[in-house]
Protein backbone atom coordinates (compact mmCIF):
# COMPACT_ATOMS: atom_id res chain seq x y z
CA MET A 1 35.08 -7.71 45.01
CA PRO A 2 31.24 -6.33 44.11
CA GLY A 3 32.35 -2.83 43.33
CA THR A 4 34.92 -3.57 40.28
CA SER A 5 32.63 -6.56 38.52
CA SER A 6 29.85 -4.02 38.33
CA ALA A 7 32.51 -1.62 36.75
CA ALA A 8 34.18 -3.81 34.70
CA ALA A 9 30.55 -4.68 33.02
CA ALA A 10 29.24 -1.22 32.78
CA PRO A 11 30.95 -1.14 28.99
CA PHE A 12 29.32 -4.85 28.23
CA ARG A 13 25.69 -3.16 29.64
CA GLY A 14 26.04 -0.43 26.89
CA LEU A 15 27.00 -2.90 24.28
CA ALA A 16 23.89 -4.98 25.25
CA LEU A 17 21.96 -1.62 24.56
CA LEU A 18 23.08 -0.74 21.52
CA LEU A 19 23.25 -4.19 19.97
CA PRO A 20 18.93 -4.52 19.48
CA LEU A 21 19.79 -1.02 17.52
CA GLY A 22 22.87 -2.25 15.49
CA LEU A 23 20.27 -5.28 14.06
CA LEU A 24 17.76 -3.35 13.36
CA LEU A 25 19.67 -1.17 11.41
CA LEU A 26 21.51 -3.32 9.67
CA SER A 27 18.09 -5.23 8.53
CA LEU A 28 16.75 -1.88 7.61
CA ALA A 29 20.25 -1.22 5.05
CA ALA A 30 19.88 -5.09 3.66
CA PRO A 31 18.25 -5.84 0.48
CA LEU A 32 14.72 -7.50 0.78
CA PRO A 33 13.42 -9.86 -1.71
CA ALA A 34 10.64 -8.03 -3.30
CA GLN A 35 7.65 -10.28 -0.92
CA ALA A 36 9.80 -9.68 2.52
CA PHE A 37 8.79 -7.65 5.04
CA LEU A 38 10.53 -6.49 8.21
CA LEU A 39 7.53 -6.51 10.51
CA HIS A 40 3.74 -7.33 8.96
CA LEU A 41 1.24 -5.14 9.87
CA GLU A 42 -1.39 -6.47 8.44
CA GLY A 43 -4.95 -5.58 10.05
CA PRO A 44 -8.54 -6.66 9.48
CA VAL A 45 -10.29 -6.10 6.06
CA PRO A 46 -12.26 -3.45 5.81
CA GLU A 47 -16.27 -3.99 5.92
CA GLU A 48 -16.45 -0.98 3.04
CA LEU A 49 -14.79 -2.71 -0.08
CA GLY A 50 -16.63 -3.76 -3.14
CA VAL A 51 -19.35 -1.85 -5.24
CA GLN A 52 -22.15 -0.46 -3.21
CA GLY A 53 -25.10 0.76 -5.40
CA GLY A 54 -23.20 1.26 -8.52
CA ARG A 55 -20.23 2.84 -6.63
CA LEU A 56 -17.30 2.09 -4.82
CA TRP A 57 -17.15 3.00 -1.00
CA ASP A 58 -16.88 6.92 -0.09
CA CYS A 59 -13.26 7.65 1.98
CA PRO A 60 -14.23 6.77 6.20
CA ALA A 61 -11.43 9.50 6.67
CA PRO A 62 -9.16 11.72 4.41
CA ASP A 63 -6.36 11.11 6.34
CA HIS A 64 -5.99 6.98 5.37
CA CYS A 65 -7.91 7.03 2.20
CA ALA A 66 -7.67 8.65 -1.23
CA ARG A 67 -10.36 7.89 -4.01
CA ALA A 68 -10.44 9.52 -7.45
CA ASP A 69 -12.89 9.25 -10.52
CA TRP A 70 -11.55 9.34 -13.74
CA PRO A 71 -13.19 10.30 -16.67
CA LEU A 72 -12.42 7.99 -19.94
CA ASP A 73 -13.71 7.34 -23.18
CA ASP A 74 -13.08 3.71 -22.61
CA PRO A 75 -12.76 2.76 -18.72
CA ALA A 76 -12.90 -1.10 -18.84
CA ALA A 77 -9.77 -1.00 -21.28
CA ALA A 78 -8.22 1.10 -18.34
CA LEU A 79 -9.09 -1.16 -15.98
CA ASP A 80 -7.43 -4.03 -18.07
CA GLN A 81 -4.45 -2.01 -18.65
CA LEU A 82 -4.02 -1.03 -14.74
CA ALA A 83 -4.60 -4.97 -14.01
CA VAL A 84 -1.34 -5.83 -16.08
CA VAL A 85 0.22 -2.83 -14.73
CA LEU A 86 -0.74 -3.93 -10.69
CA ALA A 87 -0.06 -7.28 -11.38
CA ASP A 88 3.61 -6.68 -12.49
CA THR A 89 4.09 -3.92 -9.27
CA PRO A 90 5.89 -5.86 -6.61
CA ALA A 91 4.53 -5.87 -3.44
CA ILE A 92 1.44 -5.11 -4.58
CA SER A 93 -1.92 -8.31 -4.96
CA VAL A 94 -4.48 -8.56 -6.94
CA GLN A 95 -6.89 -10.07 -4.41
CA GLU A 96 -10.00 -10.35 -7.46
CA ARG A 97 -11.30 -9.34 -10.04
CA ARG A 98 -14.44 -9.85 -11.32
CA GLY A 99 -16.42 -7.77 -14.10
CA PRO A 100 -15.74 -4.37 -13.74
CA TYR A 101 -13.96 -4.47 -10.07
CA LEU A 102 -10.65 -4.78 -8.88
CA HIS A 103 -9.45 -5.50 -5.35
CA ALA A 104 -5.97 -5.62 -4.48
CA THR A 105 -3.42 -4.98 -1.52
CA ALA A 106 -0.40 -3.06 -1.03
CA THR A 107 2.16 -3.84 1.24
CA SER A 108 4.90 -1.31 2.84
CA ARG A 109 8.39 -2.92 2.69
CA ILE A 110 9.58 -1.96 6.24
CA PHE A 111 6.91 -2.61 8.08
CA GLY A 112 4.24 -4.54 6.02
CA PHE A 113 0.95 -1.95 6.29
CA VAL A 114 -1.51 -3.22 4.35
CA ASP A 115 -3.75 -1.04 2.17
CA ASP A 116 -6.19 -2.18 -0.24
CA LEU A 117 -7.03 -0.62 -3.74
CA GLU A 118 -10.14 -0.61 -5.70
CA LEU A 119 -10.61 0.20 -9.02
CA LEU A 120 -14.06 -0.41 -11.06
CA ALA A 121 -14.89 0.45 -14.42
CA ASP A 122 -17.87 2.43 -14.96
CA PRO A 123 -18.57 2.41 -19.14
CA ASP A 124 -22.39 4.22 -18.84
CA HIS A 125 -21.12 7.39 -17.05
CA GLY A 126 -17.41 7.34 -18.41
CA LEU A 127 -15.73 7.11 -15.51
CA LEU A 128 -12.53 4.83 -13.69
CA GLN A 129 -13.02 4.62 -10.17
CA ALA A 130 -10.33 4.23 -7.84
CA ARG A 131 -9.96 3.63 -3.72
CA SER A 132 -7.21 3.48 -1.67
CA VAL A 133 -7.50 2.60 1.64
CA SER A 134 -4.98 1.66 4.41
CA ARG A 135 -6.38 -0.68 7.32
CA LEU A 136 -4.30 0.66 9.98
CA GLY A 137 -3.38 3.90 12.07
CA ASP A 138 -5.09 7.17 11.47
CA SER A 139 -2.93 8.62 8.86
CA ASP A 140 -0.88 7.22 5.74
CA LEU A 141 1.03 10.43 5.43
CA GLY A 142 -0.05 10.44 1.89
CA VAL A 143 0.52 6.80 0.63
CA ASN A 144 -2.80 6.31 -0.75
CA ALA A 145 -3.05 9.25 -2.94
CA ARG A 146 0.31 8.79 -4.41
CA ARG A 147 -0.63 5.54 -5.34
CA LEU A 148 -3.78 6.80 -7.03
CA GLU A 149 -1.88 9.55 -8.92
CA ARG A 150 0.67 7.46 -10.52
CA LEU A 151 -2.15 5.14 -11.57
CA CYS A 152 -3.41 8.05 -13.33
CA SER A 153 -0.12 9.14 -14.42
CA VAL A 154 0.14 5.31 -16.34
CA LEU A 155 -3.25 5.98 -17.88
CA ALA A 156 -2.71 9.68 -19.26
CA ALA A 157 0.92 8.58 -20.17
CA ASP A 158 -0.66 6.22 -22.41
CA GLN A 159 -3.68 8.59 -23.55
CA ALA A 160 -0.42 11.04 -24.65
CA SER A 161 1.21 8.07 -26.79
CA ASP A 162 -2.22 7.79 -28.68
């Protein structure tokens, strides 16, 4: 009878809807290898990367970008120090290191969002310039600013130990 089979199938229909949600929750709870991402939402490489007129580019919008100039006695040594820190940090990959310039990418664990991180040692002005920008989205929820704060704290801890 048609009425009986559809009534019997109703609980299975609910299970079919819950199964994908359950699988998603299980995948989020399972530990991922350092370079594994649930999704990979990379986005295009920004055109505004690199050095222009001796400076890193300004942020196109503050909601998904952070920029800082850190006054230091030896910006080149600070860049060397941060290059080692970045190379040892999971989900960060140094893409380019040429002279006083470093470009790395940071990939978020769950969604695989890619952010571009740039550092530029400017010894003439006693600065290490830093910039972190999201490739996708209108807001980074403060991720780029926190990334720069963590890097600055590495430098501050080193200064305090000297």
